[in-house]
C-alpha atoms as a PDB file:
ATOM      1  CA  UNK A   1     115.069 104.401 132.902  1.00  0.00           C
ATOM      2  CA  UNK A   2     115.680 101.845 130.191  1.00  0.00           C
ATOM      3  CA  UNK A   3     113.399 100.824 127.326  1.00  0.00           C
ATOM      4  CA  UNK A   4     112.564  97.191 126.595  1.00  0.00           C
ATOM      5  CA  UNK A   5     112.240  96.256 122.913  1.00  0.00           C
ATOM      6  CA  UNK A   6     110.428  93.080 121.914  1.00  0.00           C
ATOM      7  CA  UNK A   7     110.623  92.298 118.197  1.00  0.00           C
ATOM      8  CA  UNK A   8     108.762  89.399 116.616  1.00  0.00           C
ATOM      9  CA  UNK A   9     110.773  88.426 113.508  1.00  0.00           C
ATOM     10  CA  UNK A  10     108.025  86.331 111.900  1.00  0.00           C
ATOM     11  CA  UNK A  11     104.392  87.029 111.069  1.00  0.00           C
ATOM     12  CA  UNK A  12     102.669  86.984 114.455  1.00  0.00           C
ATOM     13  CA  UNK A  13      98.978  86.574 115.368  1.00  0.00           C
ATOM     14  CA  UNK A  14      97.481  89.958 116.123  1.00  0.00           C
ATOM     15  CA  UNK A  15      95.622  88.465 119.097  1.00  0.00           C
ATOM     16  CA  UNK A  16      98.882  87.322 120.700  1.00  0.00           C
ATOM     17  CA  UNK A  17     100.376  90.816 120.597  1.00  0.00           C
ATOM     18  CA  UNK A  18      97.136  92.446 121.735  1.00  0.00           C
ATOM     19  CA  UNK A  19      97.029  90.150 124.776  1.00  0.00           C
ATOM     20  CA  UNK A  20     100.696  90.775 125.573  1.00  0.00           C
ATOM     21  CA  UNK A  21     100.133  94.524 125.277  1.00  0.00           C
ATOM     22  CA  UNK A  22      97.243  94.240 127.719  1.00  0.00           C
ATOM     23  CA  UNK A  23      99.463  92.383 130.197  1.00  0.00           C
ATOM     24  CA  UNK A  24     102.122  95.100 130.064  1.00  0.00           C
ATOM     25  CA  UNK A  25      99.531  97.870 130.353  1.00  0.00           C
ATOM     26  CA  UNK A  26      97.975  96.190 133.381  1.00  0.00           C
ATOM     27  CA  UNK A  27     101.372  96.041 135.094  1.00  0.00           C
ATOM     28  CA  UNK A  28     101.928  99.760 134.626  1.00  0.00           C
ATOM     29  CA  UNK A  29      98.437 100.550 135.904  1.00  0.00           C
ATOM     30  CA  UNK A  30      98.954  98.288 138.924  1.00  0.00           C
ATOM     31  CA  UNK A  31     102.148 100.170 139.761  1.00  0.00           C
ATOM     32  CA  UNK A  32     100.291 103.477 139.577  1.00  0.00           C
ATOM     33  CA  UNK A  33      97.754 102.095 142.040  1.00  0.00           C
ATOM     34  CA  UNK A  34     100.544 101.205 144.449  1.00  0.00           C
ATOM     35  CA  UNK A  35     101.839 104.763 144.251  1.00  0.00           C
ATOM     36  CA  UNK A  36      98.480 105.981 145.521  1.00  0.00           C
ATOM     37  CA  UNK A  37      98.831 103.778 148.633  1.00  0.00           C
ATOM     38  CA  UNK A  38     101.687 105.372 150.591  1.00  0.00           C
ATOM     39  CA  UNK A  39     101.408 102.817 153.398  1.00  0.00           C
ATOM     40  CA  UNK A  40     102.630 100.070 151.060  1.00  0.00           C
ATOM     41  CA  UNK A  41     106.265  99.769 149.918  1.00  0.00           C
ATOM     42  CA  UNK A  42     106.498 100.664 146.256  1.00  0.00           C
ATOM     43  CA  UNK A  43     108.573  98.446 143.960  1.00  0.00           C
ATOM     44  CA  UNK A  44     110.475  99.985 141.036  1.00  0.00           C
ATOM     45  CA  UNK A  45     108.306 101.022 138.111  1.00  0.00           C
ATOM     46  CA  UNK A  46     108.140  98.578 135.195  1.00  0.00           C
ATOM     47  CA  UNK A  47     110.230  99.669 132.235  1.00  0.00           C
ATOM     48  CA  UNK A  48     108.458 101.091 129.182  1.00  0.00           C
ATOM     49  CA  UNK A  49     108.206  98.650 126.284  1.00  0.00           C
ATOM     50  CA  UNK A  50     107.972  98.864 122.512  1.00  0.00           C
ATOM     51  CA  UNK A  51     106.660  95.806 120.677  1.00  0.00           C
ATOM     52  CA  UNK A  52     107.448  95.668 116.948  1.00  0.00           C
ATOM     53  CA  UNK A  53     105.873  93.017 114.750  1.00  0.00           C
ATOM     54  CA  UNK A  54     104.133  92.098 111.518  1.00  0.00           C
ATOM     55  CA  UNK A  55     100.680  90.583 112.075  1.00  0.00           C
ATOM     56  CA  UNK A  56      98.600  88.250 109.989  1.00  0.00           C
ATOM     57  CA  UNK A  57      96.222  90.267 107.746  1.00  0.00           C
ATOM     58  CA  UNK A  58      93.787  92.168 109.969  1.00  0.00           C
ATOM     59  CA  UNK A  59      91.409  95.068 109.636  1.00  0.00           C
ATOM     60  CA  UNK A  60      91.072  96.983 112.890  1.00  0.00           C
ATOM     61  CA  UNK A  61      88.691  99.699 113.961  1.00  0.00           C
ATOM     62  CA  UNK A  62      89.315 102.422 116.514  1.00  0.00           C
ATOM     63  CA  UNK A  63      86.892 104.044 118.935  1.00  0.00           C
ATOM     64  CA  UNK A  64      85.334 106.212 116.207  1.00  0.00           C
ATOM     65  CA  UNK A  65      84.395 103.160 114.136  1.00  0.00           C
ATOM     66  CA  UNK A  66      83.389 100.574 116.724  1.00  0.00           C
ATOM     67  CA  UNK A  67      80.590  98.215 115.632  1.00  0.00           C
ATOM     68  CA  UNK A  68      77.327  97.838 117.576  1.00  0.00           C
ATOM     69  CA  UNK A  69      78.988  95.104 119.646  1.00  0.00           C
ATOM     70  CA  UNK A  70      82.478  96.382 120.426  1.00  0.00           C
ATOM     71  CA  UNK A  71      83.894  93.199 121.915  1.00  0.00           C
ATOM     72  CA  UNK A  72      86.471  91.176 120.025  1.00  0.00           C
ATOM     73  CA  UNK A  73      84.654  88.495 117.997  1.00  0.00           C
ATOM     74  CA  UNK A  74      85.307  84.902 119.017  1.00  0.00           C
ATOM     75  CA  UNK A  75      86.156  81.826 116.985  1.00  0.00           C
ATOM     76  CA  UNK A  76      82.531  80.688 117.326  1.00  0.00           C
ATOM     77  CA  UNK A  77      81.214  83.840 115.647  1.00  0.00           C
ATOM     78  CA  UNK A  78      79.823  83.097 112.205  1.00  0.00           C
ATOM     79  CA  UNK A  79      80.195  85.326 109.199  1.00  0.00           C
ATOM     80  CA  UNK A  80      76.479  86.219 109.345  1.00  0.00           C
ATOM     81  CA  UNK A  81      76.667  87.366 112.959  1.00  0.00           C
ATOM     82  CA  UNK A  82      80.045  89.111 112.836  1.00  0.00           C
ATOM     83  CA  UNK A  83      79.313  92.610 114.121  1.00  0.00           C
ATOM     84  CA  UNK A  84      80.911  95.134 111.776  1.00  0.00           C
ATOM     85  CA  UNK A  85      80.920  98.930 111.519  1.00  0.00           C
ATOM     86  CA  UNK A  86      79.501 100.454 108.321  1.00  0.00           C
ATOM     87  CA  UNK A  87      83.039 101.033 107.008  1.00  0.00           C
ATOM     88  CA  UNK A  88      83.634  97.282 106.724  1.00  0.00           C
ATOM     89  CA  UNK A  89      80.197  96.064 105.619  1.00  0.00           C
ATOM     90  CA  UNK A  90      81.176  96.199 101.898  1.00  0.00           C
ATOM     91  CA  UNK A  91      83.951  93.645 102.510  1.00  0.00           C
ATOM     92  CA  UNK A  92      82.126  91.389 104.984  1.00  0.00           C
ATOM     93  CA  UNK A  93      82.729  88.424 102.659  1.00  0.00           C
ATOM     94  CA  UNK A  94      86.493  88.900 103.049  1.00  0.00           C
ATOM     95  CA  UNK A  95      86.515  88.946 106.835  1.00  0.00           C
ATOM     96  CA  UNK A  96      86.556  86.365 109.573  1.00  0.00           C
ATOM     97  CA  UNK A  97      86.664  86.432 113.343  1.00  0.00           C
ATOM     98  CA  UNK A  98      90.020  85.539 114.925  1.00  0.00           C
ATOM     99  CA  UNK A  99      90.763  81.810 114.570  1.00  0.00           C
ATOM    100  CA  UNK A 100      87.386  81.256 112.910  1.00  0.00           C
ATOM    101  CA  UNK A 101      86.802  78.408 110.474  1.00  0.00           C
ATOM    102  CA  UNK A 102      83.375  79.595 109.298  1.00  0.00           C
ATOM    103  CA  UNK A 103      84.540  81.677 106.344  1.00  0.00           C
ATOM    104  CA  UNK A 104      85.845  79.287 103.687  1.00  0.00           C
ATOM    105  CA  UNK A 105      87.914  81.951 101.941  1.00  0.00           C
ATOM    106  CA  UNK A 106      88.880  84.547 104.526  1.00  0.00           C
ATOM    107  CA  UNK A 107      91.244  87.281 103.435  1.00  0.00           C
ATOM    108  CA  UNK A 108      91.716  88.976 106.804  1.00  0.00           C
ATOM    109  CA  UNK A 109      90.579  88.899 110.412  1.00  0.00           C
ATOM    110  CA  UNK A 110      88.567  91.677 111.984  1.00  0.00           C
ATOM    111  CA  UNK A 111      89.525  93.177 115.367  1.00  0.00           C
ATOM    112  CA  UNK A 112      87.757  96.090 117.086  1.00  0.00           C
ATOM    113  CA  UNK A 113      90.160  98.007 119.333  1.00  0.00           C
ATOM    114  CA  UNK A 114      90.087 100.920 121.766  1.00  0.00           C
ATOM    115  CA  UNK A 115      92.753 102.981 120.010  1.00  0.00           C
ATOM    116  CA  UNK A 116      91.929 106.364 118.568  1.00  0.00           C
ATOM    117  CA  UNK A 117      90.992 106.758 114.941  1.00  0.00           C
ATOM    118  CA  UNK A 118      88.913 104.773 112.512  1.00  0.00           C
ATOM    119  CA  UNK A 119      89.362 101.764 110.236  1.00  0.00           C
ATOM    120  CA  UNK A 120      92.766 100.644 108.999  1.00  0.00           C
ATOM    121  CA  UNK A 121      94.680  97.568 107.883  1.00  0.00           C
ATOM    122  CA  UNK A 122      97.724  95.779 109.288  1.00  0.00           C
ATOM    123  CA  UNK A 123      99.545  92.800 107.812  1.00  0.00           C
ATOM    124  CA  UNK A 124     102.533  91.437 105.893  1.00  0.00           C
ATOM    125  CA  UNK A 125     104.661  94.203 104.444  1.00  0.00           C
ATOM    126  CA  UNK A 126     104.116  96.409 107.500  1.00  0.00           C
ATOM    127  CA  UNK A 127     106.065  97.170 110.646  1.00  0.00           C
ATOM    128  CA  UNK A 128     103.641  97.720 113.503  1.00  0.00           C
ATOM    129  CA  UNK A 129     105.009  99.293 116.689  1.00  0.00           C
ATOM    130  CA  UNK A 130     103.067  99.386 119.955  1.00  0.00           C
ATOM    131  CA  UNK A 131     104.416 101.692 122.660  1.00  0.00           C
ATOM    132  CA  UNK A 132     103.440 100.809 126.236  1.00  0.00           C
ATOM    133  CA  UNK A 133     104.536 103.822 128.269  1.00  0.00           C
ATOM    134  CA  UNK A 134     103.781 105.921 131.322  1.00  0.00           C
ATOM    135  CA  UNK A 135     103.511 109.351 129.709  1.00  0.00           C
ATOM    136  CA  UNK A 136     103.904 111.223 132.982  1.00  0.00           C
ATOM    137  CA  UNK A 137     107.168 109.448 133.714  1.00  0.00           C
ATOM    138  CA  UNK A 138     108.439 110.667 130.344  1.00  0.00           C
ATOM    139  CA  UNK A 139     107.047 114.161 130.845  1.00  0.00           C
ATOM    140  CA  UNK A 140     104.677 113.855 127.881  1.00  0.00           C
ATOM    141  CA  UNK A 141     101.175 115.163 127.352  1.00  0.00           C
ATOM    142  CA  UNK A 142      98.844 113.093 125.142  1.00  0.00           C
ATOM    143  CA  UNK A 143      99.343 115.537 122.265  1.00  0.00           C
ATOM    144  CA  UNK A 144     103.120 115.434 122.700  1.00  0.00           C
ATOM    145  CA  UNK A 145     102.970 111.646 122.602  1.00  0.00           C
ATOM    146  CA  UNK A 146     101.349 111.705 119.161  1.00  0.00           C
ATOM    147  CA  UNK A 147     103.883 114.278 117.988  1.00  0.00           C
ATOM    148  CA  UNK A 148     106.675 112.071 119.325  1.00  0.00           C
ATOM    149  CA  UNK A 149     105.454 109.082 117.309  1.00  0.00           C
ATOM    150  CA  UNK A 150     105.073 111.174 114.154  1.00  0.00           C
ATOM    151  CA  UNK A 151     108.480 112.825 114.532  1.00  0.00           C
ATOM    152  CA  UNK A 152     110.134 109.461 115.121  1.00  0.00           C
ATOM    153  CA  UNK A 153     108.675 108.227 111.829  1.00  0.00           C
ATOM    154  CA  UNK A 154     109.767 111.408 110.037  1.00  0.00           C
ATOM    155  CA  UNK A 155     113.317 110.927 111.343  1.00  0.00           C
ATOM    156  CA  UNK A 156     113.307 107.303 110.231  1.00  0.00           C
ATOM    157  CA  UNK A 157     112.057 108.220 106.772  1.00  0.00           C
ATOM    158  CA  UNK A 158     114.792 110.819 106.466  1.00  0.00           C
ATOM    159  CA  UNK A 159     117.343 108.113 107.186  1.00  0.00           C
ATOM    160  CA  UNK A 160     116.066 106.244 104.144  1.00  0.00           C
ATOM    161  CA  UNK A 161     116.202 109.373 102.006  1.00  0.00           C
ATOM    162  CA  UNK A 162     112.424 109.862 101.971  1.00  0.00           C
ATOM    163  CA  UNK A 163     110.768 113.167 102.840  1.00  0.00           C
ATOM    164  CA  UNK A 164     107.733 112.775 105.064  1.00  0.00           C
ATOM    165  CA  UNK A 165     105.239 115.273 106.359  1.00  0.00           C
ATOM    166  CA  UNK A 166     102.319 115.652 108.745  1.00  0.00           C
ATOM    167  CA  UNK A 167      99.075 117.314 107.716  1.00  0.00           C
ATOM    168  CA  UNK A 168      95.775 118.201 109.338  1.00  0.00           C
ATOM    169  CA  UNK A 169      94.866 114.525 108.866  1.00  0.00           C
ATOM    170  CA  UNK A 170      96.237 111.893 111.251  1.00  0.00           C
ATOM    171  CA  UNK A 171      99.380 109.897 110.481  1.00  0.00           C
ATOM    172  CA  UNK A 172     102.533 110.501 108.489  1.00  0.00           C
ATOM    173  CA  UNK A 173     102.380 111.240 104.779  1.00  0.00           C
ATOM    174  CA  UNK A 174     104.637 111.517 101.743  1.00  0.00           C
ATOM    175  CA  UNK A 175     104.034 114.793  99.866  1.00  0.00           C
ATOM    176  CA  UNK A 176     102.318 114.606  96.494  1.00  0.00           C
ATOM    177  CA  UNK A 177     104.115 115.433  93.275  1.00  0.00           C
ATOM    178  CA  UNK A 178     103.886 119.070  92.257  1.00  0.00           C
ATOM    179  CA  UNK A 179     104.158 118.027  88.593  1.00  0.00           C
ATOM    180  CA  UNK A 180     100.741 116.370  88.543  1.00  0.00           C
ATOM    181  CA  UNK A 181      99.060 117.961  91.549  1.00  0.00           C
ATOM    182  CA  UNK A 182      98.699 114.617  93.332  1.00  0.00           C
ATOM    183  CA  UNK A 183      97.674 114.560  96.975  1.00  0.00           C
ATOM    184  CA  UNK A 184      99.949 113.376  99.796  1.00  0.00           C
ATOM    185  CA  UNK A 185      99.900 109.612 100.306  1.00  0.00           C
ATOM    186  CA  UNK A 186      99.841 107.978 103.703  1.00  0.00           C
ATOM    187  CA  UNK A 187     102.805 105.864 104.739  1.00  0.00           C
ATOM    188  CA  UNK A 188     102.066 105.508 108.469  1.00  0.00           C
ATOM    189  CA  UNK A 189      98.884 105.227 110.490  1.00  0.00           C
ATOM    190  CA  UNK A 190      98.965 106.511 114.071  1.00  0.00           C
ATOM    191  CA  UNK A 191      96.455 105.552 116.743  1.00  0.00           C
ATOM    192  CA  UNK A 192      96.831 105.205 120.500  1.00  0.00           C
ATOM    193  CA  UNK A 193      94.835 104.475 123.623  1.00  0.00           C
ATOM    194  CA  UNK A 194      95.384 106.134 127.001  1.00  0.00           C
ATOM    195  CA  UNK A 195      94.240 105.078 130.443  1.00  0.00           C
ATOM    196  CA  UNK A 196      95.549 107.042 133.412  1.00  0.00           C
ATOM    197  CA  UNK A 197      98.337 108.290 131.134  1.00  0.00           C
ATOM    198  CA  UNK A 198      99.430 104.741 130.254  1.00  0.00           C
ATOM    199  CA  UNK A 199      99.672 104.456 126.475  1.00  0.00           C
ATOM    200  CA  UNK A 200      99.112 101.474 124.213  1.00  0.00           C
ATOM    201  CA  UNK A 201      98.910 100.824 120.462  1.00  0.00           C
ATOM    202  CA  UNK A 202     101.023 103.096 118.240  1.00  0.00           C
ATOM    203  CA  UNK A 203     101.852 103.054 114.534  1.00  0.00           C
ATOM    204  CA  UNK A 204     101.558 100.950 111.387  1.00  0.00           C
ATOM    205  CA  UNK A 205     104.352 101.704 108.901  1.00  0.00           C
ATOM    206  CA  UNK A 206     104.172 100.460 105.293  1.00  0.00           C
ATOM    207  CA  UNK A 207     107.459  98.893 104.250  1.00  0.00           C
ATOM    208  CA  UNK A 208     106.488  97.104 101.008  1.00  0.00           C
ATOM    209  CA  UNK A 209     103.652  97.412  98.513  1.00  0.00           C
ATOM    210  CA  UNK A 210     101.980  94.233  99.782  1.00  0.00           C
ATOM    211  CA  UNK A 211      99.433  96.085 101.969  1.00  0.00           C
ATOM    212  CA  UNK A 212      98.241  98.326  99.123  1.00  0.00           C
ATOM    213  CA  UNK A 213      95.527  95.946  97.822  1.00  0.00           C
ATOM    214  CA  UNK A 214      94.052  95.688 101.319  1.00  0.00           C
ATOM    215  CA  UNK A 215      93.944  99.472 101.714  1.00  0.00           C
ATOM    216  CA  UNK A 216      92.169  99.760  98.374  1.00  0.00           C
ATOM    217  CA  UNK A 217      89.267  97.705  99.751  1.00  0.00           C
ATOM    218  CA  UNK A 218      88.403 100.291 102.430  1.00  0.00           C
ATOM    219  CA  UNK A 219      88.281 104.010 103.096  1.00  0.00           C
ATOM    220  CA  UNK A 220      91.276 103.975 105.408  1.00  0.00           C
ATOM    221  CA  UNK A 221      90.918 106.245 108.457  1.00  0.00           C
ATOM    222  CA  UNK A 222      87.712 107.640 106.958  1.00  0.00           C
ATOM    223  CA  UNK A 223      89.630 109.687 104.374  1.00  0.00           C
ATOM    224  CA  UNK A 224      87.817 109.341 101.054  1.00  0.00           C
ATOM    225  CA  UNK A 225      90.006 109.481  97.956  1.00  0.00           C
ATOM    226  CA  UNK A 226      93.323 109.320  99.806  1.00  0.00           C
ATOM    227  CA  UNK A 227      95.906 106.711  98.858  1.00  0.00           C
ATOM    228  CA  UNK A 228      98.569 104.820 100.785  1.00  0.00           C
ATOM    229  CA  UNK A 229     102.215 104.320  99.901  1.00  0.00           C
ATOM    230  CA  UNK A 230     105.246 102.514 101.302  1.00  0.00           C
ATOM    231  CA  UNK A 231     109.029 102.653 101.469  1.00  0.00           C
ATOM    232  CA  UNK A 232     109.110 100.387  98.452  1.00  0.00           C
ATOM    233  CA  UNK A 233     106.638 102.652  96.677  1.00  0.00           C
ATOM    234  CA  UNK A 234     109.043 105.517  97.316  1.00  0.00           C
ATOM    235  CA  UNK A 235     111.889 103.603  95.664  1.00  0.00           C
ATOM    236  CA  UNK A 236     113.462 102.148  98.821  1.00  0.00           C
ATOM    237  CA  UNK A 237     113.549  98.425  98.132  1.00  0.00           C
ATOM    238  CA  UNK A 238     114.960  95.401  99.897  1.00  0.00           C
ATOM    239  CA  UNK A 239     114.554  96.784 103.408  1.00  0.00           C
ATOM    240  CA  UNK A 240     113.735  94.258 106.120  1.00  0.00           C
ATOM    241  CA  UNK A 241     111.019  94.696 108.739  1.00  0.00           C
ATOM    242  CA  UNK A 242     113.660  94.157 111.421  1.00  0.00           C
ATOM    243  CA  UNK A 243     115.788  97.005 110.075  1.00  0.00           C
ATOM    244  CA  UNK A 244     112.793  99.355 110.043  1.00  0.00           C
ATOM    245  CA  UNK A 245     111.829  98.291 113.577  1.00  0.00           C
ATOM    246  CA  UNK A 246     115.326  98.951 114.897  1.00  0.00           C
ATOM    247  CA  UNK A 247     115.513 102.358 113.224  1.00  0.00           C
ATOM    248  CA  UNK A 248     112.122 103.348 114.609  1.00  0.00           C
ATOM    249  CA  UNK A 249     113.103 102.435 118.174  1.00  0.00           C
ATOM    250  CA  UNK A 250     116.397 104.333 117.820  1.00  0.00           C
ATOM    251  CA  UNK A 251     114.587 107.394 116.457  1.00  0.00           C
ATOM    252  CA  UNK A 252     111.999 107.166 119.230  1.00  0.00           C
ATOM    253  CA  UNK A 253     114.667 107.155 121.956  1.00  0.00           C
ATOM    254  CA  UNK A 254     116.528 110.076 120.391  1.00  0.00           C
ATOM    255  CA  UNK A 255     113.312 112.079 120.177  1.00  0.00           C
ATOM    256  CA  UNK A 256     112.292 111.298 123.760  1.00  0.00           C
ATOM    257  CA  UNK A 257     115.640 112.470 125.066  1.00  0.00           C
ATOM    258  CA  UNK A 258     115.793 115.533 122.805  1.00  0.00           C
ATOM    259  CA  UNK A 259     112.162 116.598 123.186  1.00  0.00           C
ATOM    260  CA  UNK A 260     111.617 116.093 126.913  1.00  0.00           C
ATOM    261  CA  UNK A 261     108.238 117.625 127.781  1.00  0.00           C
ATOM    262  CA  UNK A 262     107.908 118.679 124.131  1.00  0.00           C
ATOM    263  CA  UNK A 263     110.342 121.533 124.506  1.00  0.00           C
ATOM    264  CA  UNK A 264     108.957 122.780 127.810  1.00  0.00           C
ATOM    265  CA  UNK A 265     110.456 122.227 131.223  1.00  0.00           C
ATOM    266  CA  UNK A 266     112.334 118.927 131.164  1.00  0.00           C
ATOM    267  CA  UNK A 267     110.321 117.132 133.826  1.00  0.00           C
ATOM    268  CA  UNK A 268     110.464 113.707 132.207  1.00  0.00           C
ATOM    269  CA  UNK A 269     113.025 110.983 132.692  1.00  0.00           C
ATOM    270  CA  UNK A 270     115.575 110.199 130.009  1.00  0.00           C
ATOM    271  CA  UNK A 271     115.835 106.798 128.371  1.00  0.00           C
ATOM    272  CA  UNK A 272     119.353 105.655 129.210  1.00  0.00           C
ATOM    273  CA  UNK A 273     119.394 102.615 126.949  1.00  0.00           C
ATOM    274  CA  UNK A 274     117.465  99.959 125.062  1.00  0.00           C
ATOM    275  CA  UNK A 275     117.580  96.256 125.828  1.00  0.00           C
ATOM    276  CA  UNK A 276     116.055  93.457 123.788  1.00  0.00           C
ATOM    277  CA  UNK A 277     113.620  91.026 125.345  1.00  0.00           C
ATOM    278  CA  UNK A 278     111.727  87.948 124.223  1.00  0.00           C
ATOM    279  CA  UNK A 279     108.103  87.078 124.779  1.00  0.00           C
ATOM    280  CA  UNK A 280     108.955  84.685 127.617  1.00  0.00           C
ATOM    281  CA  UNK A 281     110.730  87.499 129.466  1.00  0.00           C
ATOM    282  CA  UNK A 282     107.474  89.454 129.712  1.00  0.00           C
ATOM    283  CA  UNK A 283     105.169  86.696 130.936  1.00  0.00           C
END
């Protein structure tokens, strides 16, 4: 199989990417349904896709932090009726619903999602990568999928001369300094959603220090007292989002092909190449 890579070079509305991700996920699920109907001719499976982008400032919640009303707020939702989880109540005055004009000084939009995990931030200075894949076709279990994302980030960090690590907490971290006993700092959030082994969502990787203020306003991922960092914070400056996106996709493909079935029997298909697509190609 081949992997499609869609990269948005400019800051892109989170809603646009979320809707596009849903379209791609629906196509993969529809193909699975056809496979269960042997009387119908089965077309070739859609290729897996990675979308890389930088969204407008958004706080998102995962399944563990969904508000009382877990539907995406609309542009007609007012600040006083915006349904928020407890983790975001302290910054209600900073938030607005997507495309809303009710908050005169919004800092970020709020989007509930169905990914795993809790509350986090995405925005300028980040490379967000959403992987829309059929895990069974790749020979991956859900746990292996998470490990694949984490290992791809670790490989990418190594290419920039930065040592990363994984801990008992979710995501990818940069070890603390032994000289002052500081704790590891998070450089990448990881959160996915699975339906019938079709994956969506993925990672949020901090490239510059721009997201740090936004992380300081919340308890990211429910981890009290833990700080975030970035490539820039680790001394790697002047790196473009596009460069990081390309390196992540390359690392992902290498890991898929090297770690088929997470080291077990190689039942998954290899990725034979990556081709770039544009939004109009996926409509």
